[in-house]
């Protein structure tokens, strides 16, 4: 890279592979320096992006759709609220870990963002919205069967993101 990267998005989801991708980005990419010392925000930055699944996806089902034995209508909001609170705690822990990695490497020009939705679509949308120069992702190396059912977020993003995509394989 030529040192002119203004915005690098690193997508993290809590796996060691995504944290290794973050480490790789911090070790190997050179961001655009600030235009002046008085305006440090004018330089490049790393955006740590975490996509949180909607509560119905996290639960694996739509609780209102379970005909027998599922939560009743008054219980559904409480059930959803509990899942959302749990997801917020998980997201906070993931970002705390990622920001600690940045701190350990003395990288200060870091922002973080949590978006709720489908990871494939939301990562590509964030790339567009933030005018990213590069997207960095880890590869979880699903086998062909898992990939067929779950899909590959990195494969989708490499084909649909509006910027170059670096997929970091777990070689650490």
C-alpha atoms as a PDB file:
ATOM      1  CA  UNK A   1       0.000   0.000   0.000  1.00  0.00           C
ATOM      2  CA  UNK A   2       1.259   3.484  -0.754  1.00  0.00           C
ATOM      3  CA  UNK A   3       0.525   5.246   2.524  1.00  0.00           C
ATOM      4  CA  UNK A   4      -2.428   7.210   1.218  1.00  0.00           C
ATOM      5  CA  UNK A   5      -5.197   5.182   2.827  1.00  0.00           C
ATOM      6  CA  UNK A   6      -7.784   7.464   4.331  1.00  0.00           C
ATOM      7  CA  UNK A   7     -10.220   4.923   5.717  1.00  0.00           C
ATOM      8  CA  UNK A   8      -9.515   1.271   6.418  1.00  0.00           C
ATOM      9  CA  UNK A   9     -12.418  -0.798   7.721  1.00  0.00           C
ATOM     10  CA  UNK A  10     -11.583  -3.939   9.660  1.00  0.00           C
ATOM     11  CA  UNK A  11     -14.612  -6.177  10.153  1.00  0.00           C
ATOM     12  CA  UNK A  12     -14.505  -8.100  13.439  1.00  0.00           C
ATOM     13  CA  UNK A  13     -16.937 -10.639  14.835  1.00  0.00           C
ATOM     14  CA  UNK A  14     -15.102 -11.938  17.856  1.00  0.00           C
ATOM     15  CA  UNK A  15     -13.247 -14.840  16.264  1.00  0.00           C
ATOM     16  CA  UNK A  16      -9.498 -15.090  16.595  1.00  0.00           C
ATOM     17  CA  UNK A  17      -9.301 -14.950  12.792  1.00  0.00           C
ATOM     18  CA  UNK A  18     -10.919 -11.504  12.722  1.00  0.00           C
ATOM     19  CA  UNK A  19      -8.631 -10.270  15.505  1.00  0.00           C
ATOM     20  CA  UNK A  20      -5.634 -11.584  13.552  1.00  0.00           C
ATOM     21  CA  UNK A  21      -6.884  -9.620  10.537  1.00  0.00           C
ATOM     22  CA  UNK A  22      -6.946  -6.519  12.745  1.00  0.00           C
ATOM     23  CA  UNK A  23      -3.381  -7.207  13.904  1.00  0.00           C
ATOM     24  CA  UNK A  24      -2.306  -7.684  10.284  1.00  0.00           C
ATOM     25  CA  UNK A  25      -3.887  -4.373   9.260  1.00  0.00           C
ATOM     26  CA  UNK A  26      -2.243  -2.494  12.125  1.00  0.00           C
ATOM     27  CA  UNK A  27       1.161  -4.039  11.365  1.00  0.00           C
ATOM     28  CA  UNK A  28       1.137  -3.714   7.586  1.00  0.00           C
ATOM     29  CA  UNK A  29      -0.938  -0.752   6.447  1.00  0.00           C
ATOM     30  CA  UNK A  30       0.184   2.848   6.374  1.00  0.00           C
ATOM     31  CA  UNK A  31      -2.529   5.456   6.717  1.00  0.00           C
ATOM     32  CA  UNK A  32      -2.546   8.933   5.240  1.00  0.00           C
ATOM     33  CA  UNK A  33      -0.754  11.311   7.632  1.00  0.00           C
ATOM     34  CA  UNK A  34      -2.648  14.318   9.022  1.00  0.00           C
ATOM     35  CA  UNK A  35      -2.564  17.405   6.797  1.00  0.00           C
ATOM     36  CA  UNK A  36      -1.339  19.553   9.706  1.00  0.00           C
ATOM     37  CA  UNK A  37      -0.346  18.985  13.302  1.00  0.00           C
ATOM     38  CA  UNK A  38      -3.243  21.170  14.404  1.00  0.00           C
ATOM     39  CA  UNK A  39      -5.767  18.901  12.626  1.00  0.00           C
ATOM     40  CA  UNK A  40      -4.930  15.278  13.541  1.00  0.00           C
ATOM     41  CA  UNK A  41      -8.384  14.123  12.365  1.00  0.00           C
ATOM     42  CA  UNK A  42      -7.486  14.941   8.759  1.00  0.00           C
ATOM     43  CA  UNK A  43      -5.290  11.837   8.543  1.00  0.00           C
ATOM     44  CA  UNK A  44      -6.349   8.296   7.799  1.00  0.00           C
ATOM     45  CA  UNK A  45      -8.132   6.125  10.304  1.00  0.00           C
ATOM     46  CA  UNK A  46      -8.968   2.529  11.055  1.00  0.00           C
ATOM     47  CA  UNK A  47     -12.646   1.769  11.591  1.00  0.00           C
ATOM     48  CA  UNK A  48     -13.351  -1.360  13.588  1.00  0.00           C
ATOM     49  CA  UNK A  49     -16.713  -2.571  12.365  1.00  0.00           C
ATOM     50  CA  UNK A  50     -18.822  -5.135  14.171  1.00  0.00           C
ATOM     51  CA  UNK A  51     -22.117  -6.328  12.729  1.00  0.00           C
ATOM     52  CA  UNK A  52     -24.597  -7.509  15.323  1.00  0.00           C
ATOM     53  CA  UNK A  53     -27.344  -9.891  14.203  1.00  0.00           C
ATOM     54  CA  UNK A  54     -30.941  -8.781  14.684  1.00  0.00           C
ATOM     55  CA  UNK A  55     -32.536 -10.405  17.763  1.00  0.00           C
ATOM     56  CA  UNK A  56     -34.696 -12.782  15.709  1.00  0.00           C
ATOM     57  CA  UNK A  57     -31.636 -14.121  13.915  1.00  0.00           C
ATOM     58  CA  UNK A  58     -29.692 -14.418  17.173  1.00  0.00           C
ATOM     59  CA  UNK A  59     -32.507 -16.419  18.724  1.00  0.00           C
ATOM     60  CA  UNK A  60     -32.607 -18.669  15.699  1.00  0.00           C
ATOM     61  CA  UNK A  61     -36.356 -18.307  15.390  1.00  0.00           C
ATOM     62  CA  UNK A  62     -39.056 -15.738  15.499  1.00  0.00           C
ATOM     63  CA  UNK A  63     -40.401 -16.421  19.013  1.00  0.00           C
ATOM     64  CA  UNK A  64     -43.923 -15.418  18.006  1.00  0.00           C
ATOM     65  CA  UNK A  65     -43.961 -18.126  15.359  1.00  0.00           C
ATOM     66  CA  UNK A  66     -43.628 -21.088  17.746  1.00  0.00           C
ATOM     67  CA  UNK A  67     -47.172 -22.523  17.871  1.00  0.00           C
ATOM     68  CA  UNK A  68     -46.959 -24.566  21.094  1.00  0.00           C
ATOM     69  CA  UNK A  69     -44.655 -23.933  23.984  1.00  0.00           C
ATOM     70  CA  UNK A  70     -43.220 -20.702  22.620  1.00  0.00           C
ATOM     71  CA  UNK A  71     -43.383 -17.381  24.424  1.00  0.00           C
ATOM     72  CA  UNK A  72     -46.784 -15.748  24.513  1.00  0.00           C
ATOM     73  CA  UNK A  73     -47.272 -12.349  22.880  1.00  0.00           C
ATOM     74  CA  UNK A  74     -46.663 -10.393  26.122  1.00  0.00           C
ATOM     75  CA  UNK A  75     -43.433 -12.338  26.682  1.00  0.00           C
ATOM     76  CA  UNK A  76     -42.000 -11.674  23.210  1.00  0.00           C
ATOM     77  CA  UNK A  77     -40.858  -8.076  23.920  1.00  0.00           C
ATOM     78  CA  UNK A  78     -39.136  -9.215  27.130  1.00  0.00           C
ATOM     79  CA  UNK A  79     -37.525 -12.110  25.279  1.00  0.00           C
ATOM     80  CA  UNK A  80     -36.337  -9.771  22.514  1.00  0.00           C
ATOM     81  CA  UNK A  81     -35.081  -7.205  25.037  1.00  0.00           C
ATOM     82  CA  UNK A  82     -33.071  -9.883  26.858  1.00  0.00           C
ATOM     83  CA  UNK A  83     -31.490 -11.023  23.593  1.00  0.00           C
ATOM     84  CA  UNK A  84     -30.702  -7.428  22.602  1.00  0.00           C
ATOM     85  CA  UNK A  85     -29.077  -6.723  25.971  1.00  0.00           C
ATOM     86  CA  UNK A  86     -26.998  -9.886  25.682  1.00  0.00           C
ATOM     87  CA  UNK A  87     -25.931  -8.942  22.144  1.00  0.00           C
ATOM     88  CA  UNK A  88     -24.924  -5.445  23.299  1.00  0.00           C
ATOM     89  CA  UNK A  89     -22.707  -7.015  25.987  1.00  0.00           C
ATOM     90  CA  UNK A  90     -21.104  -9.324  23.406  1.00  0.00           C
ATOM     91  CA  UNK A  91     -20.543  -6.419  20.984  1.00  0.00           C
ATOM     92  CA  UNK A  92     -19.002  -4.319  23.756  1.00  0.00           C
ATOM     93  CA  UNK A  93     -16.637  -7.167  24.696  1.00  0.00           C
ATOM     94  CA  UNK A  94     -15.599  -7.663  21.056  1.00  0.00           C
ATOM     95  CA  UNK A  95     -14.900  -3.952  20.581  1.00  0.00           C
ATOM     96  CA  UNK A  96     -13.053  -3.725  23.904  1.00  0.00           C
ATOM     97  CA  UNK A  97     -10.802  -6.586  22.808  1.00  0.00           C
ATOM     98  CA  UNK A  98     -10.218  -5.014  19.375  1.00  0.00           C
ATOM     99  CA  UNK A  99      -9.487  -1.578  20.859  1.00  0.00           C
ATOM    100  CA  UNK A 100      -7.041  -3.178  23.311  1.00  0.00           C
ATOM    101  CA  UNK A 101      -5.168  -4.697  20.360  1.00  0.00           C
ATOM    102  CA  UNK A 102      -4.970  -1.202  18.831  1.00  0.00           C
ATOM    103  CA  UNK A 103      -3.776   0.276  22.108  1.00  0.00           C
ATOM    104  CA  UNK A 104      -1.118  -2.448  22.497  1.00  0.00           C
ATOM    105  CA  UNK A 105       0.203  -1.493  19.057  1.00  0.00           C
ATOM    106  CA  UNK A 106       0.086   2.251  19.871  1.00  0.00           C
ATOM    107  CA  UNK A 107      -2.466   2.968  17.155  1.00  0.00           C
ATOM    108  CA  UNK A 108      -4.657   5.883  18.190  1.00  0.00           C
ATOM    109  CA  UNK A 109      -6.533   6.923  15.051  1.00  0.00           C
ATOM    110  CA  UNK A 110      -9.179   4.244  15.553  1.00  0.00           C
ATOM    111  CA  UNK A 111     -12.948   4.501  15.457  1.00  0.00           C
ATOM    112  CA  UNK A 112     -15.446   1.758  16.190  1.00  0.00           C
ATOM    113  CA  UNK A 113     -18.935   1.137  14.945  1.00  0.00           C
ATOM    114  CA  UNK A 114     -21.633  -1.443  15.645  1.00  0.00           C
ATOM    115  CA  UNK A 115     -24.367  -1.970  13.070  1.00  0.00           C
ATOM    116  CA  UNK A 116     -27.327  -4.311  13.396  1.00  0.00           C
ATOM    117  CA  UNK A 117     -28.241  -6.474  10.418  1.00  0.00           C
ATOM    118  CA  UNK A 118     -26.987  -9.065   7.966  1.00  0.00           C
ATOM    119  CA  UNK A 119     -23.166  -8.969   8.013  1.00  0.00           C
ATOM    120  CA  UNK A 120     -22.756  -9.403   4.251  1.00  0.00           C
ATOM    121  CA  UNK A 121     -24.996  -6.507   3.342  1.00  0.00           C
ATOM    122  CA  UNK A 122     -24.111  -4.197   6.229  1.00  0.00           C
ATOM    123  CA  UNK A 123     -20.350  -4.486   5.739  1.00  0.00           C
ATOM    124  CA  UNK A 124     -20.693  -3.577   2.054  1.00  0.00           C
ATOM    125  CA  UNK A 125     -23.036  -0.695   2.953  1.00  0.00           C
ATOM    126  CA  UNK A 126     -20.572   0.619   5.572  1.00  0.00           C
ATOM    127  CA  UNK A 127     -17.761   0.483   3.001  1.00  0.00           C
ATOM    128  CA  UNK A 128     -19.895   2.630   0.722  1.00  0.00           C
ATOM    129  CA  UNK A 129     -21.096   5.043   3.426  1.00  0.00           C
ATOM    130  CA  UNK A 130     -17.619   5.595   4.894  1.00  0.00           C
ATOM    131  CA  UNK A 131     -15.925   5.788   1.472  1.00  0.00           C
ATOM    132  CA  UNK A 132     -13.449   3.152   2.612  1.00  0.00           C
ATOM    133  CA  UNK A 133     -10.199   2.724   0.729  1.00  0.00           C
ATOM    134  CA  UNK A 134      -9.759  -0.859   1.943  1.00  0.00           C
ATOM    135  CA  UNK A 135     -11.779  -3.530   3.753  1.00  0.00           C
ATOM    136  CA  UNK A 136      -9.821  -6.043   5.841  1.00  0.00           C
ATOM    137  CA  UNK A 137     -11.456  -9.272   7.013  1.00  0.00           C
ATOM    138  CA  UNK A 138     -10.420 -12.557   8.536  1.00  0.00           C
ATOM    139  CA  UNK A 139     -11.224 -15.874   6.954  1.00  0.00           C
ATOM    140  CA  UNK A 140     -12.810 -18.544   9.119  1.00  0.00           C
ATOM    141  CA  UNK A 141     -12.144 -21.208   6.469  1.00  0.00           C
ATOM    142  CA  UNK A 142     -15.472 -22.976   6.562  1.00  0.00           C
ATOM    143  CA  UNK A 143     -15.511 -26.269   4.727  1.00  0.00           C
ATOM    144  CA  UNK A 144     -17.644 -26.635   1.599  1.00  0.00           C
ATOM    145  CA  UNK A 145     -20.708 -27.952   3.455  1.00  0.00           C
ATOM    146  CA  UNK A 146     -20.790 -25.174   6.079  1.00  0.00           C
ATOM    147  CA  UNK A 147     -20.085 -22.560   3.427  1.00  0.00           C
ATOM    148  CA  UNK A 148     -22.986 -23.888   1.330  1.00  0.00           C
ATOM    149  CA  UNK A 149     -25.438 -23.430   4.216  1.00  0.00           C
ATOM    150  CA  UNK A 150     -23.972 -20.415   5.985  1.00  0.00           C
ATOM    151  CA  UNK A 151     -22.413 -18.613   3.054  1.00  0.00           C
ATOM    152  CA  UNK A 152     -19.103 -16.841   3.216  1.00  0.00           C
ATOM    153  CA  UNK A 153     -19.181 -13.238   4.347  1.00  0.00           C
ATOM    154  CA  UNK A 154     -15.655 -12.629   3.074  1.00  0.00           C
ATOM    155  CA  UNK A 155     -16.506 -14.131  -0.330  1.00  0.00           C
ATOM    156  CA  UNK A 156     -19.642 -12.005  -0.610  1.00  0.00           C
ATOM    157  CA  UNK A 157     -17.790  -8.830   0.376  1.00  0.00           C
ATOM    158  CA  UNK A 158     -14.912  -9.514  -1.985  1.00  0.00           C
ATOM    159  CA  UNK A 159     -17.451  -9.621  -4.827  1.00  0.00           C
ATOM    160  CA  UNK A 160     -19.738  -6.776  -3.758  1.00  0.00           C
ATOM    161  CA  UNK A 161     -17.732  -4.204  -1.752  1.00  0.00           C
ATOM    162  CA  UNK A 162     -16.966  -0.945  -3.547  1.00  0.00           C
ATOM    163  CA  UNK A 163     -13.298  -1.004  -2.498  1.00  0.00           C
ATOM    164  CA  UNK A 164     -10.440  -3.511  -2.487  1.00  0.00           C
ATOM    165  CA  UNK A 165     -10.828  -6.319   0.064  1.00  0.00           C
ATOM    166  CA  UNK A 166      -7.944  -7.966   1.917  1.00  0.00           C
ATOM    167  CA  UNK A 167      -8.840 -11.367   3.341  1.00  0.00           C
ATOM    168  CA  UNK A 168      -6.315 -12.381   5.972  1.00  0.00           C
ATOM    169  CA  UNK A 169      -5.957 -16.128   6.433  1.00  0.00           C
ATOM    170  CA  UNK A 170      -5.006 -17.426   9.843  1.00  0.00           C
ATOM    171  CA  UNK A 171      -1.241 -17.742   9.541  1.00  0.00           C
ATOM    172  CA  UNK A 172      -0.229 -16.406  12.958  1.00  0.00           C
END
